[in-house]
Amino acid sequence: MAETVIVYRAQGEAFSLLESLRRFLHYRETLVTFVLRDLKVRYKQTLLGVLWAVIPPLMLMVVFNVIFSRFARMPSEGIPYPIFAYSALLPWTFFASSVAAGANSLTGNYGVISKIYFPREVLPWAAVLGSGADFLIGLVIFFALMVFYHVPPTAYALLLPPLLGIQLVYAGGIALIAAAFNVYYRDVRHGLPLLLQLWLYATPIVYPLSVVPAHLRLAYFAVNPMAGLIDSYRRVLVRGLAPDLVAVGVSAVVAFVTFAVCYRVFKRLEREFADVM
């Protein structure tokens, strides 16, 4: 009897999740509106405009090149270190900016939330997709750097969209839970930048994955799915290799499980957002 109750409860939760996703898709035009609004606001009254989409990873690339390549002599797997670093910094900046913007998306739109009904997850997702637009701009600069350093792309670069899809799912889940918790605990706004900075150094960005002992990598990918994704970006974009199936598989599983759990928690907390803010 208890097993039957558990099965029915699981089926009900799955149906509720699918219904919420269906309702979310129904408001896709609202999502597009928020994405365009965020992009306009982000670059309004700035001298450099969309160049701010590429300045952060470029500046980090320069700093990392000086510190980790010139001074620390960090291995770069035979790839020019600027390209080695930028191939990882570009998707990482996309992830970090998605989470940071998503975390503040609800508290920054209190006026809209208190007046208009729409699925609240639209706001964190608008932040994630807006950061995706910055990533696409940065990708143009990245390919220009590949030409400059004579690093030709290979057919494996066509695997970039699936990797982006996995990262979108993972970033969307983290942005949802960060946004929800930020409504209740404003400590999230203060602690998140520190967490993301520590997360950067816990991911193979300034160093290759090969420095991580082989027997620890499976657990490493499970705890930090961005590690498997970052290594896969580097493999398909600059090393001309297929992604490690174990790394991508573990990252994908963790990404989808994270999204499902975070989305469920978000929907449970959603009804009280307007009252708490």
C-alpha atoms as a PDB file:
ATOM      1  CA  MET A   1       0.000   0.000   0.000  1.00  0.00           C
ATOM      2  CA  ALA A   2       2.783   2.413   0.922  1.00  0.00           C
ATOM      3  CA  GLU A   3       4.550   1.665  -2.366  1.00  0.00           C
ATOM      4  CA  THR A   4       1.334   2.455  -4.284  1.00  0.00           C
ATOM      5  CA  VAL A   5       1.033   5.812  -2.510  1.00  0.00           C
ATOM      6  CA  ILE A   6       4.645   6.647  -3.365  1.00  0.00           C
ATOM      7  CA  VAL A   7       4.063   5.773  -7.040  1.00  0.00           C
ATOM      8  CA  TYR A   8       0.912   7.906  -7.260  1.00  0.00           C
ATOM      9  CA  ARG A   9       2.658  10.792  -5.502  1.00  0.00           C
ATOM     10  CA  ALA A  10       5.590  10.598  -7.933  1.00  0.00           C
ATOM     11  CA  GLN A  11       3.178  10.514 -10.885  1.00  0.00           C
ATOM     12  CA  GLY A  12       1.319  13.526  -9.512  1.00  0.00           C
ATOM     13  CA  GLU A  13       4.531  15.495  -9.017  1.00  0.00           C
ATOM     14  CA  ALA A  14       5.678  14.628 -12.543  1.00  0.00           C
ATOM     15  CA  PHE A  15       2.319  15.761 -13.933  1.00  0.00           C
ATOM     16  CA  SER A  16       2.511  18.991 -11.926  1.00  0.00           C
ATOM     17  CA  LEU A  17       6.025  19.668 -13.240  1.00  0.00           C
ATOM     18  CA  LEU A  18       4.956  19.047 -16.836  1.00  0.00           C
ATOM     19  CA  GLU A  19       1.897  21.271 -16.386  1.00  0.00           C
ATOM     20  CA  SER A  20       4.082  24.060 -14.996  1.00  0.00           C
ATOM     21  CA  LEU A  21       6.463  23.729 -17.948  1.00  0.00           C
ATOM     22  CA  ARG A  22       3.506  23.805 -20.360  1.00  0.00           C
ATOM     23  CA  ARG A  23       2.229  27.002 -18.723  1.00  0.00           C
ATOM     24  CA  PHE A  24       5.720  28.473 -18.904  1.00  0.00           C
ATOM     25  CA  LEU A  25       5.906  27.813 -22.664  1.00  0.00           C
ATOM     26  CA  HIS A  26       2.521  29.467 -23.072  1.00  0.00           C
ATOM     27  CA  TYR A  27       4.148  32.700 -21.833  1.00  0.00           C
ATOM     28  CA  ARG A  28       7.112  32.507 -24.222  1.00  0.00           C
ATOM     29  CA  GLU A  29       6.239  35.912 -25.720  1.00  0.00           C
ATOM     30  CA  THR A  30       6.481  37.413 -22.239  1.00  0.00           C
ATOM     31  CA  LEU A  31       9.874  35.752 -21.889  1.00  0.00           C
ATOM     32  CA  VAL A  32      11.099  37.321 -25.136  1.00  0.00           C
ATOM     33  CA  THR A  33       9.817  40.722 -23.994  1.00  0.00           C
ATOM     34  CA  PHE A  34      11.784  40.524 -20.733  1.00  0.00           C
ATOM     35  CA  VAL A  35      14.933  39.343 -22.535  1.00  0.00           C
ATOM     36  CA  LEU A  36      14.817  42.295 -24.945  1.00  0.00           C
ATOM     37  CA  ARG A  37      14.065  44.706 -22.117  1.00  0.00           C
ATOM     38  CA  ASP A  38      17.006  43.448 -20.046  1.00  0.00           C
ATOM     39  CA  LEU A  39      19.369  43.760 -23.016  1.00  0.00           C
ATOM     40  CA  LYS A  40      18.261  47.341 -23.684  1.00  0.00           C
ATOM     41  CA  VAL A  41      18.606  48.338 -20.035  1.00  0.00           C
ATOM     42  CA  ARG A  42      22.000  46.651 -19.683  1.00  0.00           C
ATOM     43  CA  TYR A  43      23.676  48.708 -22.404  1.00  0.00           C
ATOM     44  CA  LYS A  44      21.631  51.890 -22.184  1.00  0.00           C
ATOM     45  CA  GLN A  45      23.729  55.043 -21.712  1.00  0.00           C
ATOM     46  CA  THR A  46      27.043  53.174 -21.938  1.00  0.00           C
ATOM     47  CA  LEU A  47      29.940  54.349 -24.075  1.00  0.00           C
ATOM     48  CA  LEU A  48      31.103  50.868 -25.067  1.00  0.00           C
ATOM     49  CA  GLY A  49      27.680  49.252 -25.461  1.00  0.00           C
ATOM     50  CA  VAL A  50      27.791  45.541 -26.346  1.00  0.00           C
ATOM     51  CA  LEU A  51      31.580  45.534 -25.989  1.00  0.00           C
ATOM     52  CA  TRP A  52      30.927  45.009 -22.284  1.00  0.00           C
ATOM     53  CA  ALA A  53      29.841  41.494 -23.269  1.00  0.00           C
ATOM     54  CA  VAL A  54      33.437  40.615 -24.205  1.00  0.00           C
ATOM     55  CA  ILE A  55      35.529  42.899 -21.991  1.00  0.00           C
ATOM     56  CA  PRO A  56      35.325  40.770 -18.769  1.00  0.00           C
ATOM     57  CA  PRO A  57      36.527  37.468 -20.312  1.00  0.00           C
ATOM     58  CA  LEU A  58      39.145  39.290 -22.396  1.00  0.00           C
ATOM     59  CA  MET A  59      40.558  41.086 -19.354  1.00  0.00           C
ATOM     60  CA  LEU A  60      40.613  37.860 -17.353  1.00  0.00           C
ATOM     61  CA  MET A  61      42.353  36.159 -20.260  1.00  0.00           C
ATOM     62  CA  VAL A  62      45.103  38.802 -20.212  1.00  0.00           C
ATOM     63  CA  VAL A  63      45.549  38.546 -16.433  1.00  0.00           C
ATOM     64  CA  PHE A  64      45.563  34.737 -16.473  1.00  0.00           C
ATOM     65  CA  ASN A  65      48.024  34.726 -19.362  1.00  0.00           C
ATOM     66  CA  VAL A  66      50.473  36.864 -17.390  1.00  0.00           C
ATOM     67  CA  ILE A  67      50.087  35.099 -14.035  1.00  0.00           C
ATOM     68  CA  PHE A  68      49.491  31.468 -14.928  1.00  0.00           C
ATOM     69  CA  SER A  69      51.354  31.200 -18.222  1.00  0.00           C
ATOM     70  CA  ARG A  70      54.301  33.561 -17.785  1.00  0.00           C
ATOM     71  CA  PHE A  71      54.910  33.234 -14.047  1.00  0.00           C
ATOM     72  CA  ALA A  72      53.347  29.951 -12.879  1.00  0.00           C
ATOM     73  CA  ARG A  73      54.100  28.114 -16.160  1.00  0.00           C
ATOM     74  CA  MET A  74      50.722  26.381 -16.127  1.00  0.00           C
ATOM     75  CA  PRO A  75      50.493  23.676 -18.841  1.00  0.00           C
ATOM     76  CA  SER A  76      48.101  24.405 -21.693  1.00  0.00           C
ATOM     77  CA  GLU A  77      48.149  21.108 -23.621  1.00  0.00           C
ATOM     78  CA  GLY A  78      50.140  22.560 -26.515  1.00  0.00           C
ATOM     79  CA  ILE A  79      47.601  25.337 -27.139  1.00  0.00           C
ATOM     80  CA  PRO A  80      48.550  29.037 -26.976  1.00  0.00           C
ATOM     81  CA  TYR A  81      47.572  29.998 -23.441  1.00  0.00           C
ATOM     82  CA  PRO A  82      45.338  32.968 -24.390  1.00  0.00           C
ATOM     83  CA  ILE A  83      43.174  30.653 -26.520  1.00  0.00           C
ATOM     84  CA  PHE A  84      43.391  27.918 -23.878  1.00  0.00           C
ATOM     85  CA  ALA A  85      42.068  30.295 -21.210  1.00  0.00           C
ATOM     86  CA  TYR A  86      39.516  32.128 -23.343  1.00  0.00           C
ATOM     87  CA  SER A  87      37.904  28.905 -24.590  1.00  0.00           C
ATOM     88  CA  ALA A  88      36.984  28.206 -20.958  1.00  0.00           C
ATOM     89  CA  LEU A  89      36.409  31.767 -19.757  1.00  0.00           C
ATOM     90  CA  LEU A  90      33.797  32.436 -22.416  1.00  0.00           C
ATOM     91  CA  PRO A  91      31.320  29.701 -21.323  1.00  0.00           C
ATOM     92  CA  TRP A  92      32.213  30.272 -17.676  1.00  0.00           C
ATOM     93  CA  THR A  93      31.377  33.986 -17.936  1.00  0.00           C
ATOM     94  CA  PHE A  94      28.075  32.984 -19.544  1.00  0.00           C
ATOM     95  CA  PHE A  95      27.323  30.664 -16.617  1.00  0.00           C
ATOM     96  CA  ALA A  96      28.400  33.093 -13.881  1.00  0.00           C
ATOM     97  CA  SER A  97      26.544  36.066 -15.352  1.00  0.00           C
ATOM     98  CA  SER A  98      23.428  33.909 -15.841  1.00  0.00           C
ATOM     99  CA  VAL A  99      23.382  32.857 -12.202  1.00  0.00           C
ATOM    100  CA  ALA A 100      24.195  36.343 -10.871  1.00  0.00           C
ATOM    101  CA  ALA A 101      21.562  38.077 -13.001  1.00  0.00           C
ATOM    102  CA  GLY A 102      19.016  35.332 -12.347  1.00  0.00           C
ATOM    103  CA  ALA A 103      19.492  35.598  -8.581  1.00  0.00           C
ATOM    104  CA  ASN A 104      18.462  39.272  -8.637  1.00  0.00           C
ATOM    105  CA  SER A 105      15.727  38.900 -11.249  1.00  0.00           C
ATOM    106  CA  LEU A 106      12.804  38.587  -8.820  1.00  0.00           C
ATOM    107  CA  THR A 107      13.824  41.222  -6.261  1.00  0.00           C
ATOM    108  CA  GLY A 108      14.680  43.615  -9.077  1.00  0.00           C
ATOM    109  CA  ASN A 109      11.228  43.292 -10.618  1.00  0.00           C
ATOM    110  CA  TYR A 110       9.001  43.614  -7.563  1.00  0.00           C
ATOM    111  CA  GLY A 111       6.837  46.252  -9.230  1.00  0.00           C
ATOM    112  CA  VAL A 112       6.026  43.940 -12.125  1.00  0.00           C
ATOM    113  CA  ILE A 113       5.474  40.878  -9.932  1.00  0.00           C
ATOM    114  CA  SER A 114       3.021  42.700  -7.651  1.00  0.00           C
ATOM    115  CA  LYS A 115       0.875  43.937 -10.554  1.00  0.00           C
ATOM    116  CA  ILE A 116       0.899  41.383 -13.370  1.00  0.00           C
ATOM    117  CA  TYR A 117       0.454  37.621 -13.345  1.00  0.00           C
ATOM    118  CA  PHE A 118       2.843  35.447 -15.306  1.00  0.00           C
ATOM    119  CA  PRO A 119       4.912  32.408 -14.304  1.00  0.00           C
ATOM    120  CA  ARG A 120       7.631  33.871 -12.095  1.00  0.00           C
ATOM    121  CA  GLU A 121      10.272  31.578 -13.578  1.00  0.00           C
ATOM    122  CA  VAL A 122      10.098  33.755 -16.683  1.00  0.00           C
ATOM    123  CA  LEU A 123      12.286  36.351 -14.946  1.00  0.00           C
ATOM    124  CA  PRO A 124      15.266  34.106 -14.044  1.00  0.00           C
ATOM    125  CA  TRP A 125      15.104  32.509 -17.488  1.00  0.00           C
ATOM    126  CA  ALA A 126      15.069  35.935 -19.149  1.00  0.00           C
ATOM    127  CA  ALA A 127      18.283  36.715 -17.249  1.00  0.00           C
ATOM    128  CA  VAL A 128      19.872  33.452 -18.401  1.00  0.00           C
ATOM    129  CA  LEU A 129      18.924  33.967 -22.054  1.00  0.00           C
ATOM    130  CA  GLY A 130      20.077  37.582 -21.929  1.00  0.00           C
ATOM    131  CA  SER A 131      23.496  36.366 -20.812  1.00  0.00           C
ATOM    132  CA  GLY A 132      23.342  33.912 -23.706  1.00  0.00           C
ATOM    133  CA  ALA A 133      23.199  36.856 -26.098  1.00  0.00           C
ATOM    134  CA  ASP A 134      26.448  38.132 -24.575  1.00  0.00           C
ATOM    135  CA  PHE A 135      27.969  34.676 -25.082  1.00  0.00           C
ATOM    136  CA  LEU A 136      27.152  34.747 -28.794  1.00  0.00           C
ATOM    137  CA  ILE A 137      28.869  38.123 -29.134  1.00  0.00           C
ATOM    138  CA  GLY A 138      31.908  36.794 -27.295  1.00  0.00           C
ATOM    139  CA  LEU A 139      31.963  33.767 -29.583  1.00  0.00           C
ATOM    140  CA  VAL A 140      32.664  36.046 -32.549  1.00  0.00           C
ATOM    141  CA  ILE A 141      35.708  37.455 -30.737  1.00  0.00           C
ATOM    142  CA  PHE A 142      36.811  33.932 -29.855  1.00  0.00           C
ATOM    143  CA  PHE A 143      36.837  32.785 -33.483  1.00  0.00           C
ATOM    144  CA  ALA A 144      38.791  35.937 -34.389  1.00  0.00           C
ATOM    145  CA  LEU A 145      41.381  34.956 -31.765  1.00  0.00           C
ATOM    146  CA  MET A 146      41.555  31.459 -33.238  1.00  0.00           C
ATOM    147  CA  VAL A 147      42.414  32.970 -36.607  1.00  0.00           C
ATOM    148  CA  PHE A 148      45.026  35.228 -34.981  1.00  0.00           C
ATOM    149  CA  TYR A 149      46.724  32.316 -33.185  1.00  0.00           C
ATOM    150  CA  HIS A 150      46.384  29.979 -36.187  1.00  0.00           C
ATOM    151  CA  VAL A 151      44.179  27.471 -34.356  1.00  0.00           C
ATOM    152  CA  PRO A 152      41.831  26.096 -37.022  1.00  0.00           C
ATOM    153  CA  PRO A 153      38.381  24.826 -36.008  1.00  0.00           C
ATOM    154  CA  THR A 154      37.468  21.222 -36.723  1.00  0.00           C
ATOM    155  CA  ALA A 155      34.210  19.381 -37.341  1.00  0.00           C
ATOM    156  CA  TYR A 156      33.950  18.739 -33.598  1.00  0.00           C
ATOM    157  CA  ALA A 157      33.029  22.411 -33.159  1.00  0.00           C
ATOM    158  CA  LEU A 158      29.576  21.399 -34.442  1.00  0.00           C
ATOM    159  CA  LEU A 159      29.048  19.756 -31.045  1.00  0.00           C
ATOM    160  CA  LEU A 160      28.933  23.190 -29.416  1.00  0.00           C
ATOM    161  CA  PRO A 161      25.067  23.452 -29.420  1.00  0.00           C
ATOM    162  CA  PRO A 162      24.498  20.276 -27.327  1.00  0.00           C
ATOM    163  CA  LEU A 163      27.048  21.490 -24.782  1.00  0.00           C
ATOM    164  CA  LEU A 164      25.294  24.854 -24.655  1.00  0.00           C
ATOM    165  CA  GLY A 165      21.981  23.084 -24.167  1.00  0.00           C
ATOM    166  CA  ILE A 166      23.283  21.192 -21.129  1.00  0.00           C
ATOM    167  CA  GLN A 167      24.755  24.385 -19.699  1.00  0.00           C
ATOM    168  CA  LEU A 168      21.470  26.269 -20.225  1.00  0.00           C
ATOM    169  CA  VAL A 169      19.582  23.616 -18.276  1.00  0.00           C
ATOM    170  CA  TYR A 170      22.092  23.683 -15.429  1.00  0.00           C
ATOM    171  CA  ALA A 171      22.386  27.477 -15.322  1.00  0.00           C
ATOM    172  CA  GLY A 172      18.597  27.781 -15.467  1.00  0.00           C
ATOM    173  CA  GLY A 173      18.196  25.493 -12.467  1.00  0.00           C
ATOM    174  CA  ILE A 174      20.822  27.305 -10.386  1.00  0.00           C
ATOM    175  CA  ALA A 175      19.350  30.694 -11.372  1.00  0.00           C
ATOM    176  CA  LEU A 176      15.860  29.560 -10.303  1.00  0.00           C
ATOM    177  CA  ILE A 177      16.916  28.394  -6.845  1.00  0.00           C
ATOM    178  CA  ALA A 178      19.188  31.417  -6.323  1.00  0.00           C
ATOM    179  CA  ALA A 179      16.344  33.779  -7.286  1.00  0.00           C
ATOM    180  CA  ALA A 180      13.896  32.039  -4.947  1.00  0.00           C
ATOM    181  CA  PHE A 181      16.271  32.013  -1.966  1.00  0.00           C
ATOM    182  CA  ASN A 182      17.249  35.634  -2.619  1.00  0.00           C
ATOM    183  CA  VAL A 183      13.623  36.633  -2.039  1.00  0.00           C
ATOM    184  CA  TYR A 184      13.708  35.145   1.462  1.00  0.00           C
ATOM    185  CA  TYR A 185      17.371  35.633   2.354  1.00  0.00           C
ATOM    186  CA  ARG A 186      19.156  38.662   0.921  1.00  0.00           C
ATOM    187  CA  ASP A 187      22.447  37.089   2.028  1.00  0.00           C
ATOM    188  CA  VAL A 188      22.375  35.350  -1.349  1.00  0.00           C
ATOM    189  CA  ARG A 189      23.110  38.647  -3.054  1.00  0.00           C
ATOM    190  CA  HIS A 190      26.229  39.122  -0.935  1.00  0.00           C
ATOM    191  CA  GLY A 191      27.471  35.548  -0.855  1.00  0.00           C
ATOM    192  CA  LEU A 192      26.915  34.608  -4.486  1.00  0.00           C
ATOM    193  CA  PRO A 193      29.843  36.623  -5.965  1.00  0.00           C
ATOM    194  CA  LEU A 194      32.244  34.921  -3.521  1.00  0.00           C
ATOM    195  CA  LEU A 195      30.793  31.497  -4.322  1.00  0.00           C
ATOM    196  CA  LEU A 196      31.161  32.077  -8.075  1.00  0.00           C
ATOM    197  CA  GLN A 197      34.749  33.254  -7.657  1.00  0.00           C
ATOM    198  CA  LEU A 198      35.653  30.139  -5.674  1.00  0.00           C
ATOM    199  CA  TRP A 199      33.750  28.016  -8.202  1.00  0.00           C
ATOM    200  CA  LEU A 200      35.854  29.487 -11.018  1.00  0.00           C
ATOM    201  CA  TYR A 201      39.078  28.207  -9.458  1.00  0.00           C
ATOM    202  CA  ALA A 202      37.460  24.838  -8.718  1.00  0.00           C
ATOM    203  CA  THR A 203      36.816  24.439 -12.463  1.00  0.00           C
ATOM    204  CA  PRO A 204      39.534  23.628 -15.060  1.00  0.00           C
ATOM    205  CA  ILE A 205      39.753  27.116 -16.522  1.00  0.00           C
ATOM    206  CA  VAL A 206      43.256  28.319 -15.658  1.00  0.00           C
ATOM    207  CA  TYR A 207      44.568  24.742 -15.606  1.00  0.00           C
ATOM    208  CA  PRO A 208      43.882  21.660 -17.754  1.00  0.00           C
ATOM    209  CA  LEU A 209      41.731  18.781 -16.562  1.00  0.00           C
ATOM    210  CA  SER A 210      44.807  16.546 -16.698  1.00  0.00           C
ATOM    211  CA  VAL A 211      46.029  17.993 -13.380  1.00  0.00           C
ATOM    212  CA  VAL A 212      43.066  16.327 -11.640  1.00  0.00           C
ATOM    213  CA  PRO A 213      43.943  12.704 -10.713  1.00  0.00           C
ATOM    214  CA  ALA A 214      42.129  10.251 -12.980  1.00  0.00           C
ATOM    215  CA  HIS A 215      40.561   8.321 -10.083  1.00  0.00           C
ATOM    216  CA  LEU A 216      38.916  11.506  -8.768  1.00  0.00           C
ATOM    217  CA  ARG A 217      37.444  12.778 -12.020  1.00  0.00           C
ATOM    218  CA  LEU A 218      34.097  10.971 -11.877  1.00  0.00           C
ATOM    219  CA  ALA A 219      33.347  12.444  -8.448  1.00  0.00           C
ATOM    220  CA  TYR A 220      34.744  15.774  -9.662  1.00  0.00           C
ATOM    221  CA  PHE A 221      32.285  15.865 -12.574  1.00  0.00           C
ATOM    222  CA  ALA A 222      29.389  14.879 -10.312  1.00  0.00           C
ATOM    223  CA  VAL A 223      30.131  17.576  -7.728  1.00  0.00           C
ATOM    224  CA  ASN A 224      30.978  20.216 -10.323  1.00  0.00           C
ATOM    225  CA  PRO A 225      29.247  19.533 -13.673  1.00  0.00           C
ATOM    226  CA  MET A 226      30.756  22.731 -15.078  1.00  0.00           C
ATOM    227  CA  ALA A 227      34.137  20.963 -14.963  1.00  0.00           C
ATOM    228  CA  GLY A 228      33.052  18.367 -17.517  1.00  0.00           C
ATOM    229  CA  LEU A 229      31.401  21.007 -19.673  1.00  0.00           C
ATOM    230  CA  ILE A 230      34.365  23.388 -19.631  1.00  0.00           C
ATOM    231  CA  ASP A 231      36.751  20.584 -20.581  1.00  0.00           C
ATOM    232  CA  SER A 232      34.367  19.556 -23.372  1.00  0.00           C
ATOM    233  CA  TYR A 233      34.208  23.110 -24.732  1.00  0.00           C
ATOM    234  CA  ARG A 234      37.969  23.198 -24.834  1.00  0.00           C
ATOM    235  CA  ARG A 235      38.214  19.809 -26.533  1.00  0.00           C
ATOM    236  CA  VAL A 236      35.733  20.551 -29.331  1.00  0.00           C
ATOM    237  CA  LEU A 237      36.741  24.165 -29.950  1.00  0.00           C
ATOM    238  CA  VAL A 238      40.533  24.277 -29.751  1.00  0.00           C
ATOM    239  CA  ARG A 239      41.884  20.749 -29.328  1.00  0.00           C
ATOM    240  CA  GLY A 240      39.937  19.199 -32.210  1.00  0.00           C
ATOM    241  CA  LEU A 241      38.823  16.251 -30.084  1.00  0.00           C
ATOM    242  CA  ALA A 242      35.501  14.653 -29.290  1.00  0.00           C
ATOM    243  CA  PRO A 243      34.217  15.428 -25.783  1.00  0.00           C
ATOM    244  CA  ASP A 244      34.797  12.893 -23.047  1.00  0.00           C
ATOM    245  CA  LEU A 245      31.516  10.935 -22.988  1.00  0.00           C
ATOM    246  CA  VAL A 246      31.816  10.228 -19.266  1.00  0.00           C
ATOM    247  CA  ALA A 247      32.350  13.913 -18.469  1.00  0.00           C
ATOM    248  CA  VAL A 248      29.462  15.049 -20.682  1.00  0.00           C
ATOM    249  CA  GLY A 249      27.179  12.241 -19.517  1.00  0.00           C
ATOM    250  CA  VAL A 250      27.708  12.934 -15.828  1.00  0.00           C
ATOM    251  CA  SER A 251      27.359  16.690 -16.386  1.00  0.00           C
ATOM    252  CA  ALA A 252      24.120  16.195 -18.326  1.00  0.00           C
ATOM    253  CA  VAL A 253      22.580  13.921 -15.681  1.00  0.00           C
ATOM    254  CA  VAL A 254      23.514  16.306 -12.858  1.00  0.00           C
ATOM    255  CA  ALA A 255      22.265  19.286 -14.889  1.00  0.00           C
ATOM    256  CA  PHE A 256      18.817  17.808 -15.551  1.00  0.00           C
ATOM    257  CA  VAL A 257      18.403  16.489 -12.002  1.00  0.00           C
ATOM    258  CA  THR A 258      19.465  19.879 -10.623  1.00  0.00           C
ATOM    259  CA  PHE A 259      16.986  21.654 -12.865  1.00  0.00           C
ATOM    260  CA  ALA A 260      14.106  19.345 -11.906  1.00  0.00           C
ATOM    261  CA  VAL A 261      14.774  19.735  -8.160  1.00  0.00           C
ATOM    262  CA  CYS A 262      15.340  23.504  -8.326  1.00  0.00           C
ATOM    263  CA  TYR A 263      12.268  24.065 -10.487  1.00  0.00           C
ATOM    264  CA  ARG A 264      10.102  22.076  -8.081  1.00  0.00           C
ATOM    265  CA  VAL A 265      11.374  24.086  -5.087  1.00  0.00           C
ATOM    266  CA  PHE A 266      10.885  27.329  -7.011  1.00  0.00           C
ATOM    267  CA  LYS A 267       7.251  26.516  -7.815  1.00  0.00           C
ATOM    268  CA  ARG A 268       6.546  25.664  -4.173  1.00  0.00           C
ATOM    269  CA  LEU A 269       7.926  29.001  -2.993  1.00  0.00           C
ATOM    270  CA  GLU A 270       6.469  31.031  -5.857  1.00  0.00           C
ATOM    271  CA  ARG A 271       3.065  31.715  -4.285  1.00  0.00           C
ATOM    272  CA  GLU A 272       4.593  33.773  -1.450  1.00  0.00           C
ATOM    273  CA  PHE A 273       7.060  35.864  -3.456  1.00  0.00           C
ATOM    274  CA  ALA A 274       4.891  38.984  -3.679  1.00  0.00           C
ATOM    275  CA  ASP A 275       4.099  38.896   0.064  1.00  0.00           C
ATOM    276  CA  VAL A 276       7.683  38.371   1.200  1.00  0.00           C
ATOM    277  CA  MET A 277       9.188  41.048  -1.058  1.00  0.00           C
END
